PDB file of N, CA and C in Angstrom:
ATOM      1  N   UNK A   1       0.819  -1.268   0.295  1.00  0.00           N
ATOM      2  CA  UNK A   1       0.034   0.095  -0.029  1.00  0.00           C
ATOM      3  C   UNK A   1       1.062   1.304  -0.039  1.00  0.00           C
ATOM      4  N   UNK A   2       1.832   1.259   0.756  1.00  0.00           N
ATOM      5  CA  UNK A   2       2.894   2.322   0.843  1.00  0.00           C
ATOM      6  C   UNK A   2       3.370   2.628  -0.468  1.00  0.00           C
ATOM      7  N   UNK A   3       3.953   1.665  -1.340  1.00  0.00           N
ATOM      8  CA  UNK A   3       4.498   1.585  -2.412  1.00  0.00           C
ATOM      9  C   UNK A   3       3.785   2.632  -3.573  1.00  0.00           C
ATOM     10  N   UNK A   4       2.168   2.076  -3.597  1.00  0.00           N
ATOM     11  CA  UNK A   4       1.388   2.353  -4.331  1.00  0.00           C
ATOM     12  C   UNK A   4       1.087   3.878  -3.970  1.00  0.00           C
ATOM     13  N   UNK A   5       1.005   4.368  -2.857  1.00  0.00           N
ATOM     14  CA  UNK A   5       0.882   5.562  -2.428  1.00  0.00           C
ATOM     15  C   UNK A   5       2.262   6.717  -2.754  1.00  0.00           C
ATOM     16  N   UNK A   6       3.091   6.027  -2.566  1.00  0.00           N
ATOM     17  CA  UNK A   6       4.486   6.851  -2.684  1.00  0.00           C
ATOM     18  C   UNK A   6       4.501   7.091  -4.177  1.00  0.00           C
ATOM     19  N   UNK A   7       4.079   5.772  -5.223  1.00  0.00           N
ATOM     20  CA  UNK A   7       4.114   5.931  -6.644  1.00  0.00           C
ATOM     21  C   UNK A   7       3.001   7.096  -7.268  1.00  0.00           C
ATOM     22  N   UNK A   8       1.809   7.077  -6.632  1.00  0.00           N
ATOM     23  CA  UNK A   8       0.570   8.202  -7.096  1.00  0.00           C
ATOM     24  C   UNK A   8       1.369   9.795  -6.283  1.00  0.00           C
ATOM     25  N   UNK A   9       1.944   9.759  -5.212  1.00  0.00           N
ATOM     26  CA  UNK A   9       2.448  10.965  -4.918  1.00  0.00           C
ATOM     27  C   UNK A   9       3.344  11.606  -5.753  1.00  0.00           C
ATOM     28  N   UNK A  10       4.317  10.677  -6.006  1.00  0.00           N
ATOM     29  CA  UNK A  10       4.948  10.991  -7.197  1.00  0.00           C
ATOM     30  C   UNK A  10       4.779  11.802  -8.433  1.00  0.00           C
ATOM     31  N   UNK A  11       3.774  11.138  -9.272  1.00  0.00           N
ATOM     32  CA  UNK A  11       3.132  11.276 -10.241  1.00  0.00           C
ATOM     33  C   UNK A  11       2.053  12.215 -10.381  1.00  0.00           C
ATOM     34  N   UNK A  12       1.431  12.269  -9.090  1.00  0.00           N
ATOM     35  CA  UNK A  12       0.635  13.403  -8.690  1.00  0.00           C
ATOM     36  C   UNK A  12       0.790  15.001  -8.533  1.00  0.00           C
ATOM     37  N   UNK A  13       2.228  14.677  -7.613  1.00  0.00           N
ATOM     38  CA  UNK A  13       2.645  16.231  -6.947  1.00  0.00           C
ATOM     39  C   UNK A  13       3.845  16.453  -7.571  1.00  0.00           C
ATOM     40  N   UNK A  14       5.027  15.545  -7.142  1.00  0.00           N
ATOM     41  CA  UNK A  14       5.959  15.978  -7.443  1.00  0.00           C
ATOM     42  C   UNK A  14       6.408  16.214  -8.980  1.00  0.00           C
ATOM     43  N   UNK A  15       6.114  15.490  -9.844  1.00  0.00           N
ATOM     44  CA  UNK A  15       5.979  15.698 -11.283  1.00  0.00           C
ATOM     45  C   UNK A  15       5.537  17.210 -11.592  1.00  0.00           C
ATOM     46  N   UNK A  16       4.830  17.392 -11.104  1.00  0.00           N
ATOM     47  CA  UNK A  16       4.132  19.049 -11.487  1.00  0.00           C
ATOM     48  C   UNK A  16       4.641  20.047 -10.655  1.00  0.00           C
ATOM     49  N   UNK A  17       5.252  19.990  -9.671  1.00  0.00           N
ATOM     50  CA  UNK A  17       5.961  20.518  -8.978  1.00  0.00           C
ATOM     51  C   UNK A  17       6.987  21.190  -9.638  1.00  0.00           C
ATOM     52  N   UNK A  18       8.107  20.113 -10.056  1.00  0.00           N
ATOM     53  CA  UNK A  18       8.888  20.465 -11.023  1.00  0.00           C
ATOM     54  C   UNK A  18       8.432  20.708 -12.401  1.00  0.00           C
ATOM     55  N   UNK A  19       7.328  21.077 -12.851  1.00  0.00           N
ATOM     56  CA  UNK A  19       7.659  20.537 -14.677  1.00  0.00           C
ATOM     57  C   UNK A  19       8.123  21.885 -15.148  1.00  0.00           C
ATOM     58  N   UNK A  20       8.060  23.250 -14.364  1.00  0.00           N
ATOM     59  CA  UNK A  20       9.065  24.527 -15.476  1.00  0.00           C
ATOM     60  C   UNK A  20      10.378  23.912 -15.259  1.00  0.00           C
ATOM     61  N   UNK A  21      11.095  22.944 -14.567  1.00  0.00           N
ATOM     62  CA  UNK A  21      12.655  22.665 -14.791  1.00  0.00           C
ATOM     63  C   UNK A  21      12.444  21.245 -15.331  1.00  0.00           C
ATOM     64  N   UNK A  22      11.610  20.570 -15.626  1.00  0.00           N
ATOM     65  CA  UNK A  22      11.193  19.374 -17.005  1.00  0.00           C
ATOM     66  C   UNK A  22      10.837  19.920 -18.095  1.00  0.00           C
ATOM     67  N   UNK A  23      10.634  21.228 -17.812  1.00  0.00           N
ATOM     68  CA  UNK A  23      10.469  21.714 -19.715  1.00  0.00           C
ATOM     69  C   UNK A  23      11.319  21.721 -20.295  1.00  0.00           C
ATOM     70  N   UNK A  24      12.736  21.989 -19.729  1.00  0.00           N
ATOM     71  CA  UNK A  24      13.732  22.657 -20.300  1.00  0.00           C
ATOM     72  C   UNK A  24      14.427  21.385 -21.120  1.00  0.00           C
ATOM     73  N   UNK A  25      13.602  20.246 -21.439  1.00  0.00           N
ATOM     74  CA  UNK A  25      14.370  18.862 -21.165  1.00  0.00           C
ATOM     75  C   UNK A  25      13.371  18.489 -22.380  1.00  0.00           C
ATOM     76  N   UNK A  26      13.466  18.528 -23.937  1.00  0.00           N
ATOM     77  CA  UNK A  26      12.732  17.801 -24.799  1.00  0.00           C
ATOM     78  C   UNK A  26      12.397  16.191 -25.276  1.00  0.00           C
ATOM     79  N   UNK A  27      11.281  15.646 -25.172  1.00  0.00           N
ATOM     80  CA  UNK A  27      10.961  14.177 -25.215  1.00  0.00           C
ATOM     81  C   UNK A  27      10.169  13.920 -26.378  1.00  0.00           C
ATOM     82  N   UNK A  28      10.297  13.222 -27.301  1.00  0.00           N
ATOM     83  CA  UNK A  28       9.627  13.367 -28.826  1.00  0.00           C
ATOM     84  C   UNK A  28       9.437  14.636 -29.271  1.00  0.00           C
ATOM     85  N   UNK A  29      10.200  15.789 -29.016  1.00  0.00           N
ATOM     86  CA  UNK A  29       9.602  16.822 -29.610  1.00  0.00           C
ATOM     87  C   UNK A  29       8.724  18.001 -28.578  1.00  0.00           C
ATOM     88  N   UNK A  30       8.335  17.327 -27.663  1.00  0.00           N
ATOM     89  CA  UNK A  30       7.840  18.138 -26.459  1.00  0.00           C
ATOM     90  C   UNK A  30       8.611  18.151 -25.091  1.00  0.00           C
ATOM     91  N   UNK A  31       8.203  19.092 -24.498  1.00  0.00           N
ATOM     92  CA  UNK A  31       9.054  19.539 -22.946  1.00  0.00           C
ATOM     93  C   UNK A  31       8.766  18.162 -22.471  1.00  0.00           C
ATOM     94  N   UNK A  32       9.629  17.840 -21.680  1.00  0.00           N
ATOM     95  CA  UNK A  32       9.109  16.789 -20.575  1.00  0.00           C
ATOM     96  C   UNK A  32       8.328  16.908 -19.374  1.00  0.00           C
ATOM     97  N   UNK A  33       8.011  18.095 -19.153  1.00  0.00           N
ATOM     98  CA  UNK A  33       7.443  18.959 -18.198  1.00  0.00           C
ATOM     99  C   UNK A  33       5.864  18.635 -18.728  1.00  0.00           C
ATOM    100  N   UNK A  34       5.516  19.188 -19.933  1.00  0.00           N
ATOM    101  CA  UNK A  34       4.554  18.950 -20.727  1.00  0.00           C
ATOM    102  C   UNK A  34       4.041  18.190 -20.992  1.00  0.00           C
ATOM    103  N   UNK A  35       4.959  16.581 -21.500  1.00  0.00           N
ATOM    104  CA  UNK A  35       4.477  15.416 -21.542  1.00  0.00           C
ATOM    105  C   UNK A  35       4.029  14.553 -20.632  1.00  0.00           C
ATOM    106  N   UNK A  36       4.726  15.088 -19.032  1.00  0.00           N
ATOM    107  CA  UNK A  36       4.825  13.763 -18.218  1.00  0.00           C
ATOM    108  C   UNK A  36       3.114  14.308 -17.530  1.00  0.00           C
ATOM    109  N   UNK A  37       2.855  15.833 -17.309  1.00  0.00           N
ATOM    110  CA  UNK A  37       1.615  16.387 -16.999  1.00  0.00           C
ATOM    111  C   UNK A  37       0.456  15.520 -17.726  1.00  0.00           C
ATOM    112  N   UNK A  38       0.717  15.671 -19.212  1.00  0.00           N
ATOM    113  CA  UNK A  38      -0.469  15.298 -20.603  1.00  0.00           C
ATOM    114  C   UNK A  38      -0.403  13.817 -20.463  1.00  0.00           C
ATOM    115  N   UNK A  39       0.677  13.548 -20.554  1.00  0.00           N
ATOM    116  CA  UNK A  39       0.455  12.031 -20.901  1.00  0.00           C
ATOM    117  C   UNK A  39       1.306  10.831 -19.706  1.00  0.00           C
ATOM    118  N   UNK A  40       2.248  11.149 -19.595  1.00  0.00           N
ATOM    119  CA  UNK A  40       3.023  10.145 -18.184  1.00  0.00           C
ATOM    120  C   UNK A  40       2.499   9.868 -17.497  1.00  0.00           C
ATOM    121  N   UNK A  41       1.648  10.700 -16.519  1.00  0.00           N
ATOM    122  CA  UNK A  41       1.264  10.638 -15.568  1.00  0.00           C
ATOM    123  C   UNK A  41       0.010  10.171 -15.615  1.00  0.00           C
ATOM    124  N   UNK A  42      -0.989  10.311 -16.506  1.00  0.00           N
ATOM    125  CA  UNK A  42      -1.964   9.325 -16.871  1.00  0.00           C
ATOM    126  C   UNK A  42      -1.742   7.816 -17.386  1.00  0.00           C
ATOM    127  N   UNK A  43      -0.691   7.525 -17.918  1.00  0.00           N
ATOM    128  CA  UNK A  43      -0.406   6.410 -18.021  1.00  0.00           C
ATOM    129  C   UNK A  43       0.301   5.445 -17.199  1.00  0.00           C
ATOM    130  N   UNK A  44       1.016   6.734 -16.020  1.00  0.00           N
ATOM    131  CA  UNK A  44       1.476   5.650 -14.838  1.00  0.00           C
ATOM    132  C   UNK A  44       0.231   5.017 -13.993  1.00  0.00           C
ATOM    133  N   UNK A  45      -0.751   6.408 -13.762  1.00  0.00           N
ATOM    134  CA  UNK A  45      -1.839   5.855 -13.347  1.00  0.00           C
ATOM    135  C   UNK A  45      -2.318   4.753 -13.814  1.00  0.00           C
ATOM    136  N   UNK A  46      -2.654   4.629 -14.847  1.00  0.00           N
ATOM    137  CA  UNK A  46      -3.272   2.884 -15.745  1.00  0.00           C
ATOM    138  C   UNK A  46      -2.458   1.839 -15.004  1.00  0.00           C
ATOM    139  N   UNK A  47      -0.871   1.960 -15.571  1.00  0.00           N
ATOM    140  CA  UNK A  47      -0.059   1.042 -15.196  1.00  0.00           C
ATOM    141  C   UNK A  47      -0.440   0.666 -13.406  1.00  0.00           C
ATOM    142  N   UNK A  48      -0.146   1.617 -12.653  1.00  0.00           N
ATOM    143  CA  UNK A  48      -0.669   1.532 -11.369  1.00  0.00           C
ATOM    144  C   UNK A  48      -1.802   0.778 -10.950  1.00  0.00           C
ATOM    145  N   UNK A  49      -3.003   1.345 -11.501  1.00  0.00           N
ATOM    146  CA  UNK A  49      -4.020   0.535 -11.131  1.00  0.00           C
ATOM    147  C   UNK A  49      -4.337  -1.192 -11.260  1.00  0.00           C
ATOM    148  N   UNK A  50      -3.469  -1.393 -12.582  1.00  0.00           N
ATOM    149  CA  UNK A  50      -3.463  -2.672 -13.051  1.00  0.00           C
ATOM    150  C   UNK A  50      -2.603  -3.475 -12.106  1.00  0.00           C
ATOM    151  N   UNK A  51      -1.222  -3.061 -11.577  1.00  0.00           N
ATOM    152  CA  UNK A  51      -0.481  -3.522 -10.775  1.00  0.00           C
ATOM    153  C   UNK A  51      -1.285  -3.459  -9.362  1.00  0.00           C
ATOM    154  N   UNK A  52      -1.919  -2.870  -9.122  1.00  0.00           N
ATOM    155  CA  UNK A  52      -2.226  -2.863  -7.698  1.00  0.00           C
ATOM    156  C   UNK A  52      -3.461  -4.041  -7.462  1.00  0.00           C
ATOM    157  N   UNK A  53      -4.274  -3.878  -8.600  1.00  0.00           N
ATOM    158  CA  UNK A  53      -5.114  -4.717  -9.096  1.00  0.00           C
ATOM    159  C   UNK A  53      -5.010  -6.487  -8.743  1.00  0.00           C
ATOM    160  N   UNK A  54      -3.501  -6.408  -9.573  1.00  0.00           N
ATOM    161  CA  UNK A  54      -3.257  -7.926  -9.511  1.00  0.00           C
ATOM    162  C   UNK A  54      -1.873  -8.504  -8.311  1.00  0.00           C
ATOM    163  N   UNK A  55      -1.669  -7.158  -7.564  1.00  0.00           N
ATOM    164  CA  UNK A  55      -1.030  -7.664  -6.296  1.00  0.00           C
ATOM    165  C   UNK A  55      -2.276  -7.892  -5.197  1.00  0.00           C
ATOM    166  N   UNK A  56      -3.501  -7.076  -5.420  1.00  0.00           N
ATOM    167  CA  UNK A  56      -4.541  -7.328  -4.442  1.00  0.00           C
ATOM    168  C   UNK A  56      -5.126  -8.854  -4.546  1.00  0.00           C
ATOM    169  N   UNK A  57      -5.398  -9.248  -6.018  1.00  0.00           N
ATOM    170  CA  UNK A  57      -5.628 -10.650  -6.204  1.00  0.00           C
ATOM    171  C   UNK A  57      -4.900 -11.880  -5.537  1.00  0.00           C
ATOM    172  N   UNK A  58      -3.534 -11.311  -5.587  1.00  0.00           N
ATOM    173  CA  UNK A  58      -2.855 -12.234  -5.318  1.00  0.00           C
ATOM    174  C   UNK A  58      -2.477 -12.524  -3.493  1.00  0.00           C
ATOM    175  N   UNK A  59      -3.171 -11.412  -3.134  1.00  0.00           N
ATOM    176  CA  UNK A  59      -3.059 -11.511  -1.360  1.00  0.00           C
ATOM    177  C   UNK A  59      -4.656 -11.984  -1.246  1.00  0.00           C
ATOM    178  N   UNK A  60      -5.458 -12.102  -2.117  1.00  0.00           N
ATOM    179  CA  UNK A  60      -6.892 -12.685  -1.890  1.00  0.00           C
ATOM    180  C   UNK A  60      -6.616 -14.155  -2.170  1.00  0.00           C
ATOM    181  N   UNK A  61      -5.658 -14.397  -3.014  1.00  0.00           N
ATOM    182  CA  UNK A  61      -5.704 -16.077  -3.014  1.00  0.00           C
ATOM    183  C   UNK A  61      -4.784 -16.507  -2.031  1.00  0.00           C
ATOM    184  N   UNK A  62      -3.790 -15.538  -1.522  1.00  0.00           N
ATOM    185  CA  UNK A  62      -3.009 -16.427  -0.226  1.00  0.00           C
ATOM    186  C   UNK A  62      -3.711 -16.616   0.922  1.00  0.00           C
ATOM    187  N   UNK A  63      -4.899 -15.531   0.804  1.00  0.00           N
ATOM    188  CA  UNK A  63      -5.868 -15.940   1.642  1.00  0.00           C
ATOM    189  C   UNK A  63      -7.069 -16.128   1.946  1.00  0.00           C
ATOM    190  N   UNK A  64      -7.230 -17.025   0.655  1.00  0.00           N
ATOM    191  CA  UNK A  64      -8.262 -18.205   0.369  1.00  0.00           C
ATOM    192  C   UNK A  64      -9.746 -17.438   0.404  1.00  0.00           C
ATOM    193  N   UNK A  65      -9.788 -15.693  -0.100  1.00  0.00           N
ATOM    194  CA  UNK A  65     -11.016 -15.634  -0.123  1.00  0.00           C
ATOM    195  C   UNK A  65     -10.844 -14.824  -1.856  1.00  0.00           C
ATOM    196  N   UNK A  66     -10.002 -15.474  -2.382  1.00  0.00           N
ATOM    197  CA  UNK A  66     -10.250 -14.997  -4.018  1.00  0.00           C
ATOM    198  C   UNK A  66     -11.430 -15.575  -5.068  1.00  0.00           C
ATOM    199  N   UNK A  67     -12.035 -14.443  -5.670  1.00  0.00           N
ATOM    200  CA  UNK A  67     -13.323 -14.513  -6.406  1.00  0.00           C
ATOM    201  C   UNK A  67     -13.237 -14.989  -7.702  1.00  0.00           C
ATOM    202  N   UNK A  68     -13.920 -16.044  -8.129  1.00  0.00           N
ATOM    203  CA  UNK A  68     -13.560 -16.758  -9.462  1.00  0.00           C
ATOM    204  C   UNK A  68     -13.917 -16.156 -10.123  1.00  0.00           C
TER     205      UNK A  68
END
């Protein structure tokens, strides 16, 4: 849970806090700060949802309360 919250905090606040410094770096023709705010954070959140779901399912199977 703490790892999930740390990743969420990083992509929600830390990246956006340093967006002006990240804008000096170009990534695929766009400023990195813009890319991380517009696309990167959203991709990270979707990956985080699937990763958290898989981990929760693993915990449910270990405890014997998994759904079929």
